[in-house]
Protein backbone atom coordinates (compact mmCIF):
# COMPACT_ATOMS: atom_id res chain seq x y z
CA MET A 1 0.00 -0.02 0.02
CA ARG A 2 1.26 3.46 -1.31
CA THR A 3 0.26 6.82 0.70
CA VAL A 4 0.90 10.26 -1.40
CA ASN A 5 1.25 13.68 0.05
CA TYR A 6 1.22 15.51 -3.19
CA LEU A 7 4.25 17.91 -4.60
CA THR A 8 2.94 21.15 -4.90
CA ARG A 9 3.69 23.79 -7.51
CA ARG A 10 5.63 25.94 -5.16
CA GLY A 11 7.77 23.21 -3.87
CA MET A 12 8.63 22.16 -7.62
CA LEU A 13 9.59 25.75 -8.21
CA ARG A 14 11.79 25.67 -5.24
CA GLN A 15 13.85 22.65 -6.39
CA GLY A 16 14.87 24.91 -9.54
CA ALA A 17 16.88 22.84 -12.22
CA LEU A 18 16.10 19.75 -10.18
CA GLY A 19 12.49 20.54 -10.49
CA VAL A 20 12.76 20.59 -14.74
CA LEU A 21 14.45 16.99 -14.20
CA GLY A 22 11.57 15.71 -11.67
CA GLY A 23 9.24 16.60 -13.89
CA VAL A 24 10.58 14.97 -16.72
CA LEU A 25 10.73 11.74 -14.34
CA LEU A 26 7.34 12.36 -12.89
CA ALA A 27 5.89 12.23 -16.39
CA ARG A 28 7.25 9.33 -17.58
CA SER A 29 6.43 7.51 -13.81
CA ASN A 30 2.71 8.85 -14.20
CA TRP A 31 2.37 7.35 -17.42
CA VAL A 32 3.77 3.54 -15.91
CA GLU A 33 0.87 4.31 -12.58
CA ALA A 34 -1.92 4.67 -15.04
CA ALA A 35 -1.89 1.05 -15.60
CA GLU A 36 -0.69 0.31 -11.89
CA LEU A 37 -2.50 0.67 -8.20
CA PRO A 38 -3.58 3.93 -7.30
CA LEU A 39 -1.90 5.53 -4.49
CA VAL A 40 -3.80 6.20 -1.29
CA ARG A 41 -4.60 9.78 -0.48
CA ARG A 42 -5.36 10.23 3.14
CA VAL A 43 -7.16 13.52 4.08
CA THR A 44 -9.28 14.89 6.83
CA LEU A 45 -11.88 17.10 6.63
CA PHE A 46 -13.27 19.09 9.63
CA HIS A 47 -16.96 20.15 10.16
CA PRO A 48 -18.39 21.73 13.24
CA ALA A 49 -21.72 20.38 12.77
CA LEU A 50 -21.04 16.55 12.61
CA PRO A 51 -22.60 14.67 15.05
CA GLU A 52 -20.28 13.68 17.88
CA PRO A 53 -21.02 9.91 17.46
CA PHE A 54 -19.42 9.97 13.64
CA ASP A 55 -16.19 12.16 14.58
CA GLY A 56 -13.59 10.07 13.08
CA LEU A 57 -15.73 8.17 10.22
CA ARG A 58 -13.37 6.61 7.84
CA LEU A 59 -14.80 6.27 4.40
CA VAL A 60 -13.07 5.26 1.03
CA GLN A 61 -13.99 7.09 -2.02
CA ILE A 62 -13.55 5.63 -5.43
CA ALA A 63 -14.19 7.75 -8.24
CA ASP A 64 -13.85 7.44 -12.03
CA VAL A 65 -13.40 3.54 -12.37
CA HIS A 66 -13.87 3.43 -16.29
CA ALA A 67 -13.98 0.14 -16.13
CA GLY A 68 -13.29 -1.34 -19.46
CA VAL A 69 -10.15 -1.62 -21.99
CA PHE A 70 -7.66 -0.18 -19.73
CA MET A 71 -8.87 -1.13 -16.31
CA PRO A 72 -9.51 -4.87 -16.41
CA PRO A 73 -10.94 -7.26 -14.04
CA GLY A 74 -7.57 -8.31 -12.13
CA ARG A 75 -6.64 -4.70 -12.15
CA LEU A 76 -10.31 -3.78 -10.76
CA ALA A 77 -9.88 -6.87 -8.24
CA ARG A 78 -6.34 -5.34 -6.77
CA VAL A 79 -8.18 -2.18 -5.88
CA ARG A 80 -10.74 -3.75 -4.22
CA ASP A 81 -8.51 -5.70 -2.18
CA LEU A 82 -6.63 -2.24 -1.67
CA VAL A 83 -9.66 -0.89 -0.11
CA ARG A 84 -10.60 -3.87 2.04
CA ARG A 85 -7.16 -3.49 3.85
CA LEU A 86 -8.01 0.13 4.42
CA GLU A 87 -10.65 -1.00 6.53
CA PRO A 88 -13.07 2.03 5.59
CA GLU A 89 -16.67 2.04 7.83
CA LEU A 90 -18.09 3.56 4.45
CA VAL A 91 -17.18 2.78 0.77
CA VAL A 92 -18.62 5.25 -2.21
CA PHE A 93 -18.27 5.53 -5.86
CA THR A 94 -18.90 9.10 -7.25
CA GLY A 95 -19.51 7.70 -10.73
CA ASP A 96 -18.23 6.61 -13.96
CA GLN A 97 -17.82 3.16 -12.70
CA LEU A 98 -18.56 2.04 -16.49
CA ASP A 99 -16.09 3.67 -19.15
CA ARG A 100 -18.90 3.28 -22.30
CA ARG A 101 -19.60 -0.34 -23.89
CA ASP A 102 -22.28 -2.96 -22.29
CA VAL A 103 -19.39 -5.35 -21.62
CA ASP A 104 -17.65 -3.04 -19.11
CA ALA A 105 -20.53 -3.57 -16.68
CA GLU A 106 -19.20 -7.17 -16.92
CA ILE A 107 -15.76 -6.50 -16.23
CA PHE A 108 -16.90 -3.34 -13.43
CA VAL A 109 -18.70 -6.51 -11.39
CA HIS A 110 -15.93 -9.25 -11.71
CA GLY A 111 -13.47 -6.84 -10.51
CA PHE A 112 -15.42 -5.44 -7.42
CA ALA A 113 -17.66 -8.34 -6.03
CA GLY A 114 -17.26 -8.67 -2.83
CA ILE A 115 -16.60 -5.26 -1.88
CA ASP A 116 -18.00 -4.30 1.53
CA ALA A 117 -17.98 -1.75 4.66
CA PRO A 118 -19.73 -1.67 7.74
CA LEU A 119 -21.87 1.01 7.00
CA GLY A 120 -22.29 -0.59 3.38
CA VAL A 121 -21.26 0.54 -0.03
CA TYR A 122 -22.99 3.37 -2.04
CA GLY A 123 -22.88 4.47 -5.69
CA ILE A 124 -23.97 7.25 -8.13
CA LEU A 125 -23.60 7.39 -12.08
CA GLY A 126 -21.50 9.38 -13.98
CA ASN A 127 -22.10 10.72 -18.09
CA HIS A 128 -19.95 7.49 -18.97
CA ASP A 129 -22.43 5.52 -17.18
CA HIS A 130 -25.00 6.91 -19.30
CA LEU A 131 -23.03 6.01 -22.36
CA ALA A 132 -22.87 2.24 -21.46
CA GLY A 133 -26.83 2.54 -20.46
CA ALA A 134 -27.91 3.97 -16.89
CA GLY A 135 -29.88 0.83 -16.24
CA LEU A 136 -26.75 -1.40 -16.99
CA ALA A 137 -24.66 0.70 -14.88
CA VAL A 138 -27.33 0.68 -12.20
CA ALA A 139 -27.59 -3.02 -12.44
CA ALA A 140 -23.86 -3.20 -12.02
CA LEU A 141 -23.57 -1.04 -8.80
CA THR A 142 -26.18 -3.64 -7.43
CA ALA A 143 -24.35 -6.68 -8.37
CA ILE A 144 -21.23 -5.99 -6.54
CA GLY A 145 -23.90 -5.25 -3.39
CA ALA A 146 -23.55 -1.24 -3.59
CA GLN A 147 -26.50 0.76 -2.89
CA PRO A 148 -27.15 3.03 -6.12
CA LEU A 149 -28.16 6.25 -4.94
CA VAL A 150 -29.77 7.76 -8.36
CA ASN A 151 -31.33 10.87 -6.84
CA ASP A 152 -32.12 8.88 -3.70
CA ALA A 153 -30.79 9.00 0.03
CA VAL A 154 -30.61 6.89 2.83
CA VAL A 155 -29.89 7.97 6.90
CA LEU A 156 -26.93 6.28 8.48
CA GLU A 157 -27.81 5.90 12.47
CA ARG A 158 -25.23 6.15 15.47
CA ARG A 159 -26.49 6.73 18.91
CA GLY A 160 -29.18 8.81 18.52
CA ALA A 161 -27.23 11.33 15.52
CA ARG A 162 -28.29 10.62 12.13
CA VAL A 163 -26.07 11.46 8.75
CA LEU A 164 -28.23 11.64 5.30
CA LEU A 165 -25.88 10.26 2.73
CA ALA A 166 -27.59 11.42 -0.55
CA GLY A 167 -26.56 10.69 -4.13
CA VAL A 168 -27.44 12.67 -7.15
CA ASP A 169 -27.61 11.56 -11.22
CA ASP A 170 -25.27 13.05 -13.62
CA PHE A 171 -26.06 16.38 -15.27
CA ASP A 172 -25.38 14.76 -18.91
CA THR A 173 -28.48 12.34 -19.28
CA GLU A 174 -31.30 11.42 -21.84
CA ASP A 175 -32.47 8.28 -20.19
CA PHE A 176 -32.99 9.32 -16.25
CA ALA A 177 -34.37 12.85 -14.75
CA GLY A 178 -30.85 14.62 -14.05
CA PRO A 179 -29.66 15.96 -10.92
CA ASP A 180 -32.44 16.40 -8.26
CA PHE A 181 -30.90 18.04 -5.53
CA ARG A 182 -34.24 17.86 -3.41
CA VAL A 183 -33.08 14.60 -2.18
CA LEU A 184 -31.04 16.37 0.30
CA ALA A 185 -33.87 17.26 2.29
CA ARG A 186 -35.82 14.09 1.89
CA HIS A 187 -35.72 13.03 5.51
CA PRO A 188 -34.52 14.32 8.80
CA ALA A 189 -30.84 14.80 9.61
CA ASP A 190 -28.03 16.14 11.61
CA PHE A 191 -25.44 16.23 8.73
CA ARG A 192 -25.56 16.00 5.27
CA VAL A 193 -23.20 14.25 2.69
CA LEU A 194 -23.62 14.36 -1.39
CA LEU A 195 -22.33 12.58 -3.96
CA CYS A 196 -22.16 14.44 -6.96
CA HIS A 197 -20.37 13.30 -10.14
CA ARG A 198 -19.36 16.31 -11.31
CA PRO A 199 -17.89 19.13 -8.95
CA HIS A 200 -20.13 21.91 -10.79
CA GLY A 201 -22.74 20.74 -8.98
CA TRP A 202 -21.33 21.73 -5.69
CA ASP A 203 -23.62 25.26 -6.40
CA ALA A 204 -26.84 23.96 -6.04
CA ALA A 205 -25.44 21.62 -3.35
CA LEU A 206 -25.01 24.28 -1.31
CA GLY A 207 -28.28 25.95 -2.02
CA ALA A 208 -29.63 22.71 -0.95
CA GLY A 209 -27.82 21.89 2.37
CA ALA A 210 -25.06 19.77 1.81
CA ASP A 211 -22.22 20.02 4.60
CA VAL A 212 -20.11 17.48 2.64
CA THR A 213 -20.05 16.72 -1.18
CA LEU A 214 -18.05 13.84 -2.95
CA ALA A 215 -16.98 14.33 -6.39
CA GLY A 216 -15.05 13.07 -9.39
CA HIS A 217 -15.28 13.80 -12.85
CA THR A 218 -11.77 15.61 -13.42
CA HIS A 219 -9.32 13.04 -13.37
CA GLY A 220 -6.92 15.78 -11.58
CA GLY A 221 -6.70 16.70 -15.12
CA GLN A 222 -5.43 13.54 -16.06
CA ILE A 223 -2.64 15.18 -18.22
CA THR A 224 -1.31 18.51 -16.17
CA ILE A 225 2.56 19.95 -15.83
CA PRO A 226 2.62 20.63 -12.29
CA THR A 227 5.61 23.14 -12.51
CA THR A 228 2.73 25.76 -14.87
CA ASP A 229 -1.06 26.05 -14.36
CA VAL A 230 -1.51 23.88 -17.57
CA ASN A 231 -3.92 21.90 -16.45
CA LEU A 232 -6.90 20.40 -18.75
CA ALA A 233 -9.51 20.38 -16.05
CA ARG A 234 -9.56 23.89 -15.89
CA MET A 235 -11.14 24.05 -19.09
CA SER A 236 -14.35 23.18 -17.65
CA THR A 237 -14.26 23.58 -13.82
CA ARG A 238 -12.56 25.60 -11.49
CA TYR A 239 -12.93 22.58 -8.95
CA VAL A 240 -9.98 20.46 -10.12
CA ALA A 241 -8.88 18.05 -7.70
CA GLY A 242 -8.60 18.02 -3.82
CA ALA A 243 -10.68 19.83 -1.14
CA TYR A 244 -12.57 23.44 -1.47
CA ARG A 245 -14.23 25.10 1.45
CA ARG A 246 -17.17 27.99 1.67
CA GLY A 247 -17.60 28.82 4.91
CA ALA A 248 -18.04 25.59 7.15
CA GLN A 249 -18.95 23.58 3.97
CA LEU A 250 -16.47 21.23 1.58
CA LEU A 251 -16.00 20.19 -1.39
CA PHE A 252 -13.90 17.02 -2.09
CA VAL A 253 -12.90 16.00 -5.79
CA SER A 254 -11.02 13.04 -6.35
CA ARG A 255 -8.45 12.42 -8.99
CA GLY A 256 -10.38 8.81 -9.59
CA ILE A 257 -8.27 5.62 -10.65
CA GLY A 258 -9.11 5.37 -14.43
CA VAL A 259 -8.75 7.08 -17.41
CA GLY A 260 -10.44 8.23 -20.75
CA LYS A 261 -9.69 7.26 -24.32
CA VAL A 262 -5.80 8.34 -23.78
CA PRO A 263 -4.50 5.80 -21.12
CA VAL A 264 -1.77 8.39 -19.59
CA ARG A 265 -1.71 10.47 -16.77
CA ILE A 266 0.77 13.16 -16.19
CA GLY A 267 0.88 14.96 -12.88
CA ALA A 268 -2.23 13.68 -11.92
CA PRO A 269 -1.68 9.85 -10.61
CA PRO A 270 -4.27 7.89 -10.01
CA GLU A 271 -5.74 7.96 -6.55
CA VAL A 272 -7.99 5.93 -3.86
CA ASP A 273 -9.36 8.56 -1.39
CA LEU A 274 -9.69 7.53 2.37
CA ILE A 275 -11.47 10.52 3.90
CA THR A 276 -11.61 10.94 7.64
CA LEU A 277 -14.87 13.10 8.84
CA ARG A 278 -13.90 15.07 11.80
CA ARG A 279 -16.00 17.27 14.36
CA GLY A 280 -14.20 20.49 14.74
CA ASP A 281 -13.89 24.16 13.85
CA ALA A 282 -13.39 24.87 10.18
CA GLY A 283 -9.67 25.24 9.04
CA PRO A 284 -7.12 24.15 6.94
CA VAL A 285 -7.41 20.83 5.18
CA ALA A 286 -5.69 17.79 6.57
């Protein structure tokens, strides 16, 4: 198991000429890592409204699997086993489990069959899931034992405290109704966590009362140059990767584990995110 603390742009610049050489090596290493196990990114998110019984809740976010040609069952099974070793209380898939073909559902199911967690496994759909077929993508989640949360919600209870875990559909859909953020008000709760594939949905999530929103979609840019501002994801969103805060409300965007049509990651290594929720005043993200 590997754990990563990402090198910042400022840190790269401090290295001067070594940073240039490091950038070349990083590009080469990330070409390889697009076909290897993801890194483990450990994140702690603080929120003053988190109920005390849920203080320290550990969840794993798996984003943008893109099961298919470049993400075969064997590799997905290794990711599943990696997640098991992290021993999370909760596992969430935040969309694009499938790449675009019917057969990708079978690949996903074979790879992630048997994944579990004490508080459950849940998932939503992304735009690529709709390319493969929304009904098929929902069936694939169900087949691995995950509960689909497509404009749906569940309530997690612990010692009298209630946390709402909700999910919305993707924005790009023809066969479903699209995202319905009213799902956040469906059940009484002390705290609300939302799964939303695209990070630009955070604006609507804020208005609907989400305390924490988990998103993916961007791949962290997939191809980015750490020593510059070059990042493909910035063309479509300002929320590229990592944690963002408005007041006490939080957004976390995962770089995900898969790739799109181009099986290369440069400067945006694949990651599985181990997120710990802590009760406390809003402050720097750890």
